C-alpha atoms as a PDB file:
ATOM      1  CA  UNK A   1      -7.821 -26.128  29.614  1.00  0.00           C
ATOM      2  CA  UNK A   2      -7.443 -23.387  32.205  1.00  0.00           C
ATOM      3  CA  UNK A   3      -4.504 -21.046  31.877  1.00  0.00           C
ATOM      4  CA  UNK A   4      -1.852 -20.904  34.554  1.00  0.00           C
ATOM      5  CA  UNK A   5      -1.384 -17.675  36.494  1.00  0.00           C
ATOM      6  CA  UNK A   6       2.145 -17.009  37.690  1.00  0.00           C
ATOM      7  CA  UNK A   7       2.766 -14.714  40.651  1.00  0.00           C
ATOM      8  CA  UNK A   8       6.359 -13.588  40.740  1.00  0.00           C
ATOM      9  CA  UNK A   9       8.454 -10.680  41.963  1.00  0.00           C
ATOM     10  CA  UNK A  10      10.356 -10.739  38.686  1.00  0.00           C
ATOM     11  CA  UNK A  11       9.125  -7.774  36.638  1.00  0.00           C
ATOM     12  CA  UNK A  12       9.769  -9.569  33.336  1.00  0.00           C
ATOM     13  CA  UNK A  13       7.647 -12.566  34.362  1.00  0.00           C
ATOM     14  CA  UNK A  14       4.865 -10.309  35.635  1.00  0.00           C
ATOM     15  CA  UNK A  15       4.913  -8.288  32.415  1.00  0.00           C
ATOM     16  CA  UNK A  16       4.726 -11.441  30.297  1.00  0.00           C
ATOM     17  CA  UNK A  17       1.835 -12.772  32.394  1.00  0.00           C
ATOM     18  CA  UNK A  18      -0.002  -9.458  32.035  1.00  0.00           C
ATOM     19  CA  UNK A  19       0.374  -9.590  28.264  1.00  0.00           C
ATOM     20  CA  UNK A  20      -1.001 -13.136  28.338  1.00  0.00           C
ATOM     21  CA  UNK A  21      -3.958 -11.909  30.396  1.00  0.00           C
ATOM     22  CA  UNK A  22      -4.665  -9.164  27.872  1.00  0.00           C
ATOM     23  CA  UNK A  23      -4.777 -11.760  25.106  1.00  0.00           C
ATOM     24  CA  UNK A  24      -6.857 -14.276  27.069  1.00  0.00           C
ATOM     25  CA  UNK A  25      -9.422 -11.612  27.971  1.00  0.00           C
ATOM     26  CA  UNK A  26      -9.806 -10.475  24.367  1.00  0.00           C
ATOM     27  CA  UNK A  27     -13.456 -11.625  24.339  1.00  0.00           C
ATOM     28  CA  UNK A  28     -14.155  -9.334  27.287  1.00  0.00           C
ATOM     29  CA  UNK A  29     -12.430  -6.522  25.431  1.00  0.00           C
ATOM     30  CA  UNK A  30     -14.709  -7.184  22.451  1.00  0.00           C
ATOM     31  CA  UNK A  31     -17.742  -7.158  24.762  1.00  0.00           C
ATOM     32  CA  UNK A  32     -16.743  -3.783  26.226  1.00  0.00           C
ATOM     33  CA  UNK A  33     -16.195  -2.425  22.732  1.00  0.00           C
ATOM     34  CA  UNK A  34     -19.608  -3.608  21.519  1.00  0.00           C
ATOM     35  CA  UNK A  35     -21.273  -2.232  24.646  1.00  0.00           C
ATOM     36  CA  UNK A  36     -19.687   1.166  24.133  1.00  0.00           C
ATOM     37  CA  UNK A  37     -20.799   1.357  20.504  1.00  0.00           C
ATOM     38  CA  UNK A  38     -24.369   0.296  21.320  1.00  0.00           C
ATOM     39  CA  UNK A  39     -24.756   2.695  24.244  1.00  0.00           C
ATOM     40  CA  UNK A  40     -23.326   5.581  22.247  1.00  0.00           C
ATOM     41  CA  UNK A  41     -26.040   5.504  19.594  1.00  0.00           C
ATOM     42  CA  UNK A  42     -28.891   3.992  21.595  1.00  0.00           C
ATOM     43  CA  UNK A  43     -32.126   6.010  21.467  1.00  0.00           C
ATOM     44  CA  UNK A  44     -30.660   8.618  19.106  1.00  0.00           C
ATOM     45  CA  UNK A  45     -32.740   9.735  16.153  1.00  0.00           C
ATOM     46  CA  UNK A  46     -29.844  10.422  13.797  1.00  0.00           C
ATOM     47  CA  UNK A  47     -27.498   7.693  15.069  1.00  0.00           C
ATOM     48  CA  UNK A  48     -24.123   7.653  13.343  1.00  0.00           C
ATOM     49  CA  UNK A  49     -25.059  10.772  11.368  1.00  0.00           C
ATOM     50  CA  UNK A  50     -23.963  12.756  14.426  1.00  0.00           C
ATOM     51  CA  UNK A  51     -20.406  11.679  13.609  1.00  0.00           C
ATOM     52  CA  UNK A  52     -20.734  13.444  10.249  1.00  0.00           C
ATOM     53  CA  UNK A  53     -22.787  16.434  11.346  1.00  0.00           C
ATOM     54  CA  UNK A  54     -20.433  17.597  14.101  1.00  0.00           C
ATOM     55  CA  UNK A  55     -17.272  18.185  12.019  1.00  0.00           C
ATOM     56  CA  UNK A  56     -19.287  19.301   8.992  1.00  0.00           C
ATOM     57  CA  UNK A  57     -21.250  21.917  10.970  1.00  0.00           C
ATOM     58  CA  UNK A  58     -18.112  23.197  12.716  1.00  0.00           C
ATOM     59  CA  UNK A  59     -16.285  23.399   9.396  1.00  0.00           C
ATOM     60  CA  UNK A  60     -19.037  25.550   7.895  1.00  0.00           C
ATOM     61  CA  UNK A  61     -18.987  27.767  10.989  1.00  0.00           C
ATOM     62  CA  UNK A  62     -15.199  28.153  10.785  1.00  0.00           C
ATOM     63  CA  UNK A  63     -15.457  29.065   7.094  1.00  0.00           C
ATOM     64  CA  UNK A  64     -17.810  31.912   7.949  1.00  0.00           C
ATOM     65  CA  UNK A  65     -15.803  33.184  10.933  1.00  0.00           C
ATOM     66  CA  UNK A  66     -12.188  32.565   9.999  1.00  0.00           C
ATOM     67  CA  UNK A  67     -12.232  32.657   6.184  1.00  0.00           C
ATOM     68  CA  UNK A  68     -14.993  35.146   5.348  1.00  0.00           C
ATOM     69  CA  UNK A  69     -14.701  37.462   8.358  1.00  0.00           C
ATOM     70  CA  UNK A  70     -11.126  37.153   9.636  1.00  0.00           C
ATOM     71  CA  UNK A  71      -9.757  36.460   6.137  1.00  0.00           C
ATOM     72  CA  UNK A  72      -7.462  33.683   7.358  1.00  0.00           C
ATOM     73  CA  UNK A  73      -5.666  32.045   4.394  1.00  0.00           C
ATOM     74  CA  UNK A  74      -5.907  28.309   3.782  1.00  0.00           C
ATOM     75  CA  UNK A  75      -2.799  28.306   1.564  1.00  0.00           C
ATOM     76  CA  UNK A  76      -4.358  27.119  -1.653  1.00  0.00           C
ATOM     77  CA  UNK A  77      -6.685  24.524  -0.158  1.00  0.00           C
ATOM     78  CA  UNK A  78     -10.480  24.764  -0.410  1.00  0.00           C
ATOM     79  CA  UNK A  79     -11.732  25.844   3.049  1.00  0.00           C
ATOM     80  CA  UNK A  80     -14.094  22.905   3.632  1.00  0.00           C
ATOM     81  CA  UNK A  81     -11.569  20.064   3.199  1.00  0.00           C
ATOM     82  CA  UNK A  82      -8.960  22.218   4.968  1.00  0.00           C
ATOM     83  CA  UNK A  83     -11.021  22.351   8.169  1.00  0.00           C
ATOM     84  CA  UNK A  84     -12.284  18.770   7.885  1.00  0.00           C
ATOM     85  CA  UNK A  85      -8.670  17.554   7.697  1.00  0.00           C
ATOM     86  CA  UNK A  86      -8.196  18.977  11.178  1.00  0.00           C
ATOM     87  CA  UNK A  87     -11.588  18.404  12.771  1.00  0.00           C
ATOM     88  CA  UNK A  88     -12.153  14.745  11.864  1.00  0.00           C
ATOM     89  CA  UNK A  89      -8.957  13.336  13.433  1.00  0.00           C
ATOM     90  CA  UNK A  90      -9.087  15.798  16.333  1.00  0.00           C
ATOM     91  CA  UNK A  91     -12.724  14.949  17.159  1.00  0.00           C
ATOM     92  CA  UNK A  92     -11.850  11.241  17.290  1.00  0.00           C
ATOM     93  CA  UNK A  93      -8.787  11.962  19.438  1.00  0.00           C
ATOM     94  CA  UNK A  94     -10.667  14.247  21.843  1.00  0.00           C
ATOM     95  CA  UNK A  95     -13.664  11.915  22.190  1.00  0.00           C
ATOM     96  CA  UNK A  96     -11.335   9.008  22.929  1.00  0.00           C
ATOM     97  CA  UNK A  97      -9.585  10.937  25.702  1.00  0.00           C
ATOM     98  CA  UNK A  98     -12.862  12.171  27.161  1.00  0.00           C
ATOM     99  CA  UNK A  99     -14.358   8.682  27.315  1.00  0.00           C
ATOM    100  CA  UNK A 100     -11.165   7.062  28.563  1.00  0.00           C
ATOM    101  CA  UNK A 101     -10.909   9.595  31.395  1.00  0.00           C
ATOM    102  CA  UNK A 102     -14.248   8.490  32.884  1.00  0.00           C
ATOM    103  CA  UNK A 103     -13.993   4.827  31.942  1.00  0.00           C
ATOM    104  CA  UNK A 104     -12.822   3.529  35.342  1.00  0.00           C
ATOM    105  CA  UNK A 105     -15.520   5.412  37.220  1.00  0.00           C
ATOM    106  CA  UNK A 106     -18.202   4.270  34.766  1.00  0.00           C
ATOM    107  CA  UNK A 107     -17.189   0.606  35.110  1.00  0.00           C
ATOM    108  CA  UNK A 108     -16.689   0.598  38.895  1.00  0.00           C
ATOM    109  CA  UNK A 109     -19.336  -2.098  39.381  1.00  0.00           C
ATOM    110  CA  UNK A 110     -17.605  -4.557  37.072  1.00  0.00           C
ATOM    111  CA  UNK A 111     -14.122  -3.766  38.380  1.00  0.00           C
ATOM    112  CA  UNK A 112     -15.108  -4.526  41.973  1.00  0.00           C
ATOM    113  CA  UNK A 113     -16.618  -7.931  41.157  1.00  0.00           C
ATOM    114  CA  UNK A 114     -14.172  -9.826  38.958  1.00  0.00           C
ATOM    115  CA  UNK A 115     -10.519  -9.759  37.949  1.00  0.00           C
ATOM    116  CA  UNK A 116      -9.462  -8.803  34.446  1.00  0.00           C
ATOM    117  CA  UNK A 117      -6.760  -6.475  33.113  1.00  0.00           C
ATOM    118  CA  UNK A 118      -8.310  -3.092  33.856  1.00  0.00           C
ATOM    119  CA  UNK A 119      -6.444  -1.591  30.933  1.00  0.00           C
ATOM    120  CA  UNK A 120      -9.007  -3.245  28.683  1.00  0.00           C
ATOM    121  CA  UNK A 121     -11.636  -0.649  29.625  1.00  0.00           C
ATOM    122  CA  UNK A 122      -9.922   2.581  28.470  1.00  0.00           C
ATOM    123  CA  UNK A 123      -8.475   0.741  25.467  1.00  0.00           C
ATOM    124  CA  UNK A 124     -11.968  -0.305  24.345  1.00  0.00           C
ATOM    125  CA  UNK A 125     -13.252   3.248  24.778  1.00  0.00           C
ATOM    126  CA  UNK A 126     -10.502   4.717  22.625  1.00  0.00           C
ATOM    127  CA  UNK A 127     -10.679   2.048  19.926  1.00  0.00           C
ATOM    128  CA  UNK A 128     -14.453   2.539  19.820  1.00  0.00           C
ATOM    129  CA  UNK A 129     -13.873   6.066  18.525  1.00  0.00           C
ATOM    130  CA  UNK A 130     -12.001   4.610  15.540  1.00  0.00           C
ATOM    131  CA  UNK A 131     -15.406   3.588  14.170  1.00  0.00           C
ATOM    132  CA  UNK A 132     -16.428   7.241  14.290  1.00  0.00           C
ATOM    133  CA  UNK A 133     -13.177   8.195  12.600  1.00  0.00           C
ATOM    134  CA  UNK A 134     -13.777   5.769   9.726  1.00  0.00           C
ATOM    135  CA  UNK A 135     -17.203   7.283   9.102  1.00  0.00           C
ATOM    136  CA  UNK A 136     -15.736  10.797   9.160  1.00  0.00           C
ATOM    137  CA  UNK A 137     -12.819   9.671   6.989  1.00  0.00           C
ATOM    138  CA  UNK A 138     -15.250   8.469   4.323  1.00  0.00           C
ATOM    139  CA  UNK A 139     -16.941  11.893   4.397  1.00  0.00           C
ATOM    140  CA  UNK A 140     -13.537  13.597   4.168  1.00  0.00           C
ATOM    141  CA  UNK A 141     -12.527  11.525   1.137  1.00  0.00           C
ATOM    142  CA  UNK A 142     -15.852  12.179  -0.559  1.00  0.00           C
ATOM    143  CA  UNK A 143     -15.510  15.940  -0.144  1.00  0.00           C
ATOM    144  CA  UNK A 144     -11.859  15.818  -1.273  1.00  0.00           C
ATOM    145  CA  UNK A 145     -13.015  14.050  -4.447  1.00  0.00           C
ATOM    146  CA  UNK A 146     -15.732  16.650  -4.986  1.00  0.00           C
ATOM    147  CA  UNK A 147     -13.124  19.453  -4.774  1.00  0.00           C
ATOM    148  CA  UNK A 148     -10.651  17.584  -6.984  1.00  0.00           C
ATOM    149  CA  UNK A 149      -7.928  17.288  -4.345  1.00  0.00           C
ATOM    150  CA  UNK A 150      -8.237  13.585  -3.509  1.00  0.00           C
ATOM    151  CA  UNK A 151      -5.308  11.195  -3.804  1.00  0.00           C
ATOM    152  CA  UNK A 152      -4.993   7.435  -3.386  1.00  0.00           C
ATOM    153  CA  UNK A 153      -2.140   8.125  -0.941  1.00  0.00           C
ATOM    154  CA  UNK A 154      -4.802   8.717   1.700  1.00  0.00           C
ATOM    155  CA  UNK A 155      -5.153   4.935   2.026  1.00  0.00           C
ATOM    156  CA  UNK A 156      -1.585   3.942   3.034  1.00  0.00           C
ATOM    157  CA  UNK A 157      -0.822   7.077   5.031  1.00  0.00           C
ATOM    158  CA  UNK A 158      -4.075   6.959   6.979  1.00  0.00           C
ATOM    159  CA  UNK A 159      -2.960   3.646   8.512  1.00  0.00           C
ATOM    160  CA  UNK A 160       0.235   5.273   9.825  1.00  0.00           C
ATOM    161  CA  UNK A 161      -1.470   8.470  10.933  1.00  0.00           C
ATOM    162  CA  UNK A 162      -4.291   6.596  12.657  1.00  0.00           C
ATOM    163  CA  UNK A 163      -1.741   4.488  14.538  1.00  0.00           C
ATOM    164  CA  UNK A 164      -0.005   7.687  15.654  1.00  0.00           C
ATOM    165  CA  UNK A 165      -3.302   9.209  16.732  1.00  0.00           C
ATOM    166  CA  UNK A 166      -4.543   6.149  18.635  1.00  0.00           C
ATOM    167  CA  UNK A 167      -1.163   5.510  20.289  1.00  0.00           C
ATOM    168  CA  UNK A 168      -1.016   9.052  21.668  1.00  0.00           C
ATOM    169  CA  UNK A 169      -4.658   8.880  22.795  1.00  0.00           C
ATOM    170  CA  UNK A 170      -4.054   5.595  24.619  1.00  0.00           C
ATOM    171  CA  UNK A 171      -1.012   6.924  26.433  1.00  0.00           C
ATOM    172  CA  UNK A 172      -2.733  10.092  27.631  1.00  0.00           C
ATOM    173  CA  UNK A 173      -6.057   8.299  28.178  1.00  0.00           C
ATOM    174  CA  UNK A 174      -4.506   5.728  30.528  1.00  0.00           C
ATOM    175  CA  UNK A 175      -3.067   8.495  32.692  1.00  0.00           C
ATOM    176  CA  UNK A 176      -6.398  10.359  32.822  1.00  0.00           C
ATOM    177  CA  UNK A 177      -8.314   7.135  33.576  1.00  0.00           C
ATOM    178  CA  UNK A 178      -6.035   6.232  36.482  1.00  0.00           C
ATOM    179  CA  UNK A 179      -6.037   9.766  37.892  1.00  0.00           C
ATOM    180  CA  UNK A 180      -9.814  10.145  37.621  1.00  0.00           C
ATOM    181  CA  UNK A 181     -10.285   7.004  39.694  1.00  0.00           C
ATOM    182  CA  UNK A 182      -8.620   8.810  42.599  1.00  0.00           C
ATOM    183  CA  UNK A 183      -9.228  12.488  41.851  1.00  0.00           C
ATOM    184  CA  UNK A 184     -12.694  13.137  40.449  1.00  0.00           C
ATOM    185  CA  UNK A 185     -11.612  16.671  39.556  1.00  0.00           C
ATOM    186  CA  UNK A 186     -10.160  15.155  36.390  1.00  0.00           C
ATOM    187  CA  UNK A 187     -13.652  14.948  34.894  1.00  0.00           C
ATOM    188  CA  UNK A 188     -13.809  18.753  35.037  1.00  0.00           C
ATOM    189  CA  UNK A 189     -10.199  19.317  33.993  1.00  0.00           C
ATOM    190  CA  UNK A 190     -10.390  17.078  30.906  1.00  0.00           C
ATOM    191  CA  UNK A 191     -12.790  19.287  28.859  1.00  0.00           C
ATOM    192  CA  UNK A 192     -10.600  22.315  29.613  1.00  0.00           C
ATOM    193  CA  UNK A 193      -7.476  20.436  28.512  1.00  0.00           C
ATOM    194  CA  UNK A 194      -9.157  19.298  25.298  1.00  0.00           C
ATOM    195  CA  UNK A 195     -10.385  22.791  24.465  1.00  0.00           C
ATOM    196  CA  UNK A 196      -6.925  24.213  25.096  1.00  0.00           C
ATOM    197  CA  UNK A 197      -5.370  21.394  23.088  1.00  0.00           C
ATOM    198  CA  UNK A 198      -7.583  22.171  20.121  1.00  0.00           C
ATOM    199  CA  UNK A 199      -6.367  25.784  20.021  1.00  0.00           C
ATOM    200  CA  UNK A 200      -2.668  24.929  20.368  1.00  0.00           C
ATOM    201  CA  UNK A 201      -2.983  22.268  17.655  1.00  0.00           C
ATOM    202  CA  UNK A 202      -3.323  23.343  13.995  1.00  0.00           C
ATOM    203  CA  UNK A 203      -6.945  22.193  13.834  1.00  0.00           C
ATOM    204  CA  UNK A 204      -8.314  25.592  12.807  1.00  0.00           C
ATOM    205  CA  UNK A 205      -5.230  27.585  11.949  1.00  0.00           C
ATOM    206  CA  UNK A 206      -2.601  26.596   9.352  1.00  0.00           C
ATOM    207  CA  UNK A 207       0.857  25.796  10.714  1.00  0.00           C
ATOM    208  CA  UNK A 208       2.355  28.105   8.075  1.00  0.00           C
ATOM    209  CA  UNK A 209       0.924  31.078   9.983  1.00  0.00           C
ATOM    210  CA  UNK A 210       2.858  29.945  13.058  1.00  0.00           C
ATOM    211  CA  UNK A 211       6.073  29.477  11.100  1.00  0.00           C
ATOM    212  CA  UNK A 212       5.716  32.875   9.413  1.00  0.00           C
ATOM    213  CA  UNK A 213       5.162  34.683  12.727  1.00  0.00           C
ATOM    214  CA  UNK A 214       7.826  36.712  14.500  1.00  0.00           C
ATOM    215  CA  UNK A 215       8.921  33.810  16.676  1.00  0.00           C
ATOM    216  CA  UNK A 216       8.034  31.125  14.146  1.00  0.00           C
ATOM    217  CA  UNK A 217      11.371  29.325  14.210  1.00  0.00           C
ATOM    218  CA  UNK A 218      11.046  28.886  17.968  1.00  0.00           C
ATOM    219  CA  UNK A 219       7.319  28.170  18.170  1.00  0.00           C
ATOM    220  CA  UNK A 220       7.492  25.605  15.363  1.00  0.00           C
ATOM    221  CA  UNK A 221       9.379  23.293  17.714  1.00  0.00           C
ATOM    222  CA  UNK A 222       6.222  22.878  19.777  1.00  0.00           C
ATOM    223  CA  UNK A 223       4.631  21.113  16.804  1.00  0.00           C
ATOM    224  CA  UNK A 224       7.220  18.350  17.133  1.00  0.00           C
ATOM    225  CA  UNK A 225       5.960  17.598  20.647  1.00  0.00           C
ATOM    226  CA  UNK A 226       2.288  17.598  19.633  1.00  0.00           C
ATOM    227  CA  UNK A 227       1.384  14.188  18.093  1.00  0.00           C
ATOM    228  CA  UNK A 228      -1.778  15.530  16.460  1.00  0.00           C
ATOM    229  CA  UNK A 229       0.134  18.260  14.617  1.00  0.00           C
ATOM    230  CA  UNK A 230       1.783  15.737  12.304  1.00  0.00           C
ATOM    231  CA  UNK A 231      -1.516  13.937  11.713  1.00  0.00           C
ATOM    232  CA  UNK A 232      -3.385  17.059  10.643  1.00  0.00           C
ATOM    233  CA  UNK A 233      -0.543  18.577   8.652  1.00  0.00           C
ATOM    234  CA  UNK A 234      -0.059  15.303   6.749  1.00  0.00           C
ATOM    235  CA  UNK A 235      -3.699  15.192   5.650  1.00  0.00           C
ATOM    236  CA  UNK A 236      -3.468  18.793   4.469  1.00  0.00           C
ATOM    237  CA  UNK A 237      -0.202  18.124   2.647  1.00  0.00           C
ATOM    238  CA  UNK A 238      -1.827  15.217   0.816  1.00  0.00           C
ATOM    239  CA  UNK A 239      -4.779  17.437  -0.114  1.00  0.00           C
ATOM    240  CA  UNK A 240      -2.375  19.977  -1.579  1.00  0.00           C
ATOM    241  CA  UNK A 241      -0.432  17.326  -3.482  1.00  0.00           C
ATOM    242  CA  UNK A 242       2.703  17.920  -1.411  1.00  0.00           C
ATOM    243  CA  UNK A 243       4.999  15.550   0.413  1.00  0.00           C
ATOM    244  CA  UNK A 244       3.934  14.854   3.973  1.00  0.00           C
ATOM    245  CA  UNK A 245       6.142  16.493   6.662  1.00  0.00           C
ATOM    246  CA  UNK A 246       8.287  13.405   7.341  1.00  0.00           C
ATOM    247  CA  UNK A 247      10.429  14.965  10.056  1.00  0.00           C
ATOM    248  CA  UNK A 248       7.360  16.211  11.907  1.00  0.00           C
ATOM    249  CA  UNK A 249       5.607  12.828  11.622  1.00  0.00           C
ATOM    250  CA  UNK A 250       8.753  10.956  12.726  1.00  0.00           C
ATOM    251  CA  UNK A 251       9.116  13.203  15.784  1.00  0.00           C
ATOM    252  CA  UNK A 252       5.413  12.815  16.577  1.00  0.00           C
ATOM    253  CA  UNK A 253       5.668   9.016  16.291  1.00  0.00           C
ATOM    254  CA  UNK A 254       8.513   9.069  18.808  1.00  0.00           C
ATOM    255  CA  UNK A 255       6.506  11.288  21.163  1.00  0.00           C
ATOM    256  CA  UNK A 256       3.407   9.076  20.775  1.00  0.00           C
ATOM    257  CA  UNK A 257       5.499   5.985  21.549  1.00  0.00           C
ATOM    258  CA  UNK A 258       6.893   7.618  24.695  1.00  0.00           C
ATOM    259  CA  UNK A 259       3.394   8.728  25.750  1.00  0.00           C
ATOM    260  CA  UNK A 260       2.040   5.212  25.221  1.00  0.00           C
ATOM    261  CA  UNK A 261       4.779   3.501  27.243  1.00  0.00           C
ATOM    262  CA  UNK A 262       4.579   6.130  29.982  1.00  0.00           C
ATOM    263  CA  UNK A 263       0.792   5.770  30.120  1.00  0.00           C
ATOM    264  CA  UNK A 264       0.973   1.982  30.375  1.00  0.00           C
ATOM    265  CA  UNK A 265       3.614   2.196  33.112  1.00  0.00           C
ATOM    266  CA  UNK A 266       1.633   4.812  35.067  1.00  0.00           C
ATOM    267  CA  UNK A 267      -1.603   2.822  34.813  1.00  0.00           C
ATOM    268  CA  UNK A 268       0.066  -0.456  35.812  1.00  0.00           C
ATOM    269  CA  UNK A 269       1.499   1.096  38.971  1.00  0.00           C
ATOM    270  CA  UNK A 270      -1.970   2.250  40.049  1.00  0.00           C
ATOM    271  CA  UNK A 271      -4.025  -0.655  38.741  1.00  0.00           C
ATOM    272  CA  UNK A 272      -3.970  -2.739  41.936  1.00  0.00           C
ATOM    273  CA  UNK A 273      -5.431   0.160  43.947  1.00  0.00           C
ATOM    274  CA  UNK A 274      -8.288   0.906  41.560  1.00  0.00           C
ATOM    275  CA  UNK A 275     -10.804  -1.310  43.359  1.00  0.00           C
ATOM    276  CA  UNK A 276     -10.234   0.484  46.659  1.00  0.00           C
ATOM    277  CA  UNK A 277     -10.264   3.913  45.029  1.00  0.00           C
ATOM    278  CA  UNK A 278     -13.527   3.317  43.189  1.00  0.00           C
END
């Protein structure tokens, strides 16, 4: 039985119909997701091992530069799991944003031929990176066990932290995807934003160094507006056997929720013009 499409000026009815469309096109979403995963590792010699090698290689490089040379403290944590706790979630987050930003342009042929909720495309790109995260998360847990700082609390808290991470990525990714459809400069701006974001997020440096600085009490507030700060700091707190920073995570969840809703609203307002823009 074919579904009924309702065209109405009532925003509530249109929103409900759009949600129904998202559900009814779930098979297309699955097809986009499978396509993304296949293309990503097609004709690669190492395949999914790249997901492990990237954060592991960077972690070893950071140990040499920041721990051995610069003498940056890791506050009681072994350097390798300390850096992996930041790099694995950040790599997933950054890759999701990068792929979402170019998703509309890369799927222009499909968008111009048939109707479907366009939001499916950036969503599938971002959720595809969760597979990479799971592989990296397994590596992270294995190394934490090897260093004797593993805890079973990783399992329940990872679900919350991953939801925070993906929600923030979807909100920002939808904005970048919609903007890149109209302004192709976004493809060049996105790498710069991600590089800057990595340095202002405690991926490499410990947040304690920020708090202990001269203006620490003021600068620490910026962590509350950075969704990835709570994710990374929670993994490191679990490694150290401490309580996770609940206030930071709660604030980050609120920010991620606002980013997600704002991203959906921004994308929906531009969605009807995407065919003409592409």
